[in-house]
Amino acid sequence: MKFCQEYAFLVYNMACMLADTYRGRGVTPLLRKHLAPQCIERLEFMWQLVGCYDILNLEDEKNAMIKMVPPMPQWIHFALVTSELMECTVNVNIGTIVFHSMLVFRRKASRWICDLADIG
């Protein structure tokens, strides 16, 4: 039970940090701690794309809200597929915009490392 509570809280935090990456705030040190190197590379690429192309221009009301309102996780689906693989999906609301994030964790030694982090 304690494992589920700890990782549910971690997954909620990671989903909110993923939303922050989408909002142009970069990959945080706490997020890096739990991500595989290839996952960090992909998120940094997404972060650079958002910044370079100004996907979230502030002239559009919805995009302005995405940048100003904090992310709020609504629900989580947590599945322990095998003893080495865990999949999590989280619904994150930013104002009236709904994002779904998926996180796939693999056990490496005694730690769970996120191999796939996606938000859309």
Protein backbone atom coordinates (compact mmCIF):
# COMPACT_ATOMS: atom_id res chain seq x y z
CA MET A 1 0.00 0.00 0.00
CA LYS A 2 2.81 2.41 0.91
CA PHE A 3 4.54 1.75 -2.46
CA CYS A 4 1.33 2.61 -4.35
CA GLN A 5 0.82 5.83 -2.42
CA GLU A 6 4.42 6.97 -2.87
CA TYR A 7 4.50 6.26 -6.59
CA ALA A 8 1.04 7.69 -7.21
CA PHE A 9 2.25 10.95 -5.66
CA LEU A 10 5.47 10.80 -7.72
CA VAL A 11 3.53 10.14 -10.94
CA TYR A 12 1.16 13.06 -10.21
CA ASN A 13 4.15 15.36 -9.69
CA MET A 14 5.85 14.09 -12.84
CA ALA A 15 2.68 14.65 -14.90
CA CYS A 16 2.49 18.24 -13.64
CA MET A 17 6.18 18.76 -14.45
CA LEU A 18 5.55 17.35 -17.95
CA ALA A 19 2.79 19.91 -18.38
CA ASP A 20 5.26 22.59 -17.25
CA THR A 21 7.72 21.36 -19.90
CA TYR A 22 5.01 21.75 -22.52
CA ARG A 23 4.32 25.23 -21.19
CA GLY A 24 7.94 26.18 -21.92
CA ARG A 25 9.46 25.87 -18.47
CA GLY A 26 12.13 23.24 -19.21
CA VAL A 27 13.00 19.91 -17.65
CA THR A 28 13.42 20.28 -13.88
CA PRO A 29 16.18 18.54 -11.86
CA LEU A 30 13.55 16.49 -9.98
CA LEU A 31 12.10 15.27 -13.28
CA ARG A 32 15.60 14.41 -14.57
CA LYS A 33 16.21 12.27 -11.49
CA HIS A 34 13.43 9.86 -12.48
CA LEU A 35 13.83 9.84 -16.29
CA ALA A 36 15.97 7.67 -18.56
CA PRO A 37 18.53 9.63 -20.65
CA GLN A 38 16.65 9.11 -23.95
CA CYS A 39 13.46 10.39 -22.33
CA ILE A 40 15.23 13.54 -21.08
CA GLU A 41 16.57 14.13 -24.58
CA ARG A 42 13.07 13.89 -26.12
CA LEU A 43 11.53 16.23 -23.54
CA GLU A 44 14.29 18.79 -24.02
CA PHE A 45 13.69 18.65 -27.78
CA MET A 46 9.96 19.25 -27.21
CA TRP A 47 10.79 22.14 -24.86
CA GLN A 48 13.05 23.71 -27.52
CA LEU A 49 10.34 23.34 -30.18
CA VAL A 50 7.77 25.04 -27.97
CA GLY A 51 10.22 27.88 -27.32
CA CYS A 52 11.51 28.28 -30.90
CA TYR A 53 8.18 28.25 -32.66
CA ASP A 54 6.24 30.10 -29.94
CA ILE A 55 3.49 27.48 -30.11
CA LEU A 56 1.85 29.04 -27.09
CA ASN A 57 1.61 32.67 -28.14
CA LEU A 58 -0.05 34.82 -25.52
CA GLU A 59 -2.44 36.49 -27.97
CA ASP A 60 -4.70 33.45 -28.01
CA GLU A 61 -6.84 33.32 -24.84
CA LYS A 62 -6.57 29.52 -24.40
CA ASN A 63 -2.80 29.55 -24.82
CA ALA A 64 -2.46 32.45 -22.40
CA MET A 65 -4.41 30.41 -19.83
CA ILE A 66 -2.12 27.39 -20.38
CA LYS A 67 0.87 29.52 -19.42
CA MET A 68 -0.72 31.20 -16.38
CA VAL A 69 -2.91 28.60 -14.62
CA PRO A 70 -1.16 25.82 -12.64
CA PRO A 71 -1.66 22.20 -13.72
CA MET A 72 -4.14 20.21 -11.61
CA PRO A 73 -4.09 16.39 -11.80
CA GLN A 74 -7.59 14.91 -11.86
CA TRP A 75 -7.20 11.14 -12.00
CA ILE A 76 -4.59 8.44 -12.33
CA HIS A 77 -4.65 4.93 -13.77
CA PHE A 78 -1.81 2.89 -12.37
CA ALA A 79 -1.02 -0.63 -13.70
CA LEU A 80 1.76 -2.92 -12.57
CA VAL A 81 2.13 -4.91 -15.81
CA THR A 82 4.98 -7.14 -14.63
CA SER A 83 7.33 -7.04 -11.69
CA GLU A 84 9.67 -4.98 -13.90
CA LEU A 85 7.18 -2.75 -15.78
CA MET A 86 4.66 -0.17 -14.56
CA GLU A 87 2.37 1.99 -16.73
CA CYS A 88 0.59 5.11 -15.54
CA THR A 89 -1.81 7.48 -17.23
CA VAL A 90 -2.76 10.80 -15.66
CA ASN A 91 -5.38 13.36 -16.62
CA VAL A 92 -4.07 16.90 -15.98
CA ASN A 93 -6.25 19.99 -16.32
CA ILE A 94 -4.78 23.43 -16.95
CA GLY A 95 -7.73 25.76 -16.67
CA THR A 96 -10.29 24.39 -19.14
CA ILE A 97 -7.68 22.53 -21.23
CA VAL A 98 -7.32 18.78 -20.59
CA PHE A 99 -4.00 17.00 -21.09
CA HIS A 100 -3.44 13.26 -20.86
CA SER A 101 0.01 12.05 -19.93
CA MET A 102 1.44 8.56 -20.05
CA LEU A 103 4.43 7.40 -18.08
CA VAL A 104 6.07 3.98 -18.44
CA PHE A 105 8.47 2.92 -15.69
CA ARG A 106 10.96 0.05 -15.75
CA ARG A 107 12.76 -1.26 -12.72
CA LYS A 108 16.51 -0.76 -12.99
CA ALA A 109 18.30 -2.27 -10.01
CA SER A 110 16.19 -1.09 -7.06
CA ARG A 111 14.76 2.06 -8.70
CA TRP A 112 11.88 2.71 -11.06
CA ILE A 113 13.07 4.80 -14.01
CA CYS A 114 10.68 6.41 -16.49
CA ASP A 115 11.42 5.16 -20.03
CA LEU A 116 8.52 6.92 -21.72
CA ALA A 117 6.96 10.24 -20.79
CA ASP A 118 4.30 11.65 -23.11
CA ILE A 119 1.75 14.43 -22.80
CA GLY A 120 -0.88 15.59 -25.25
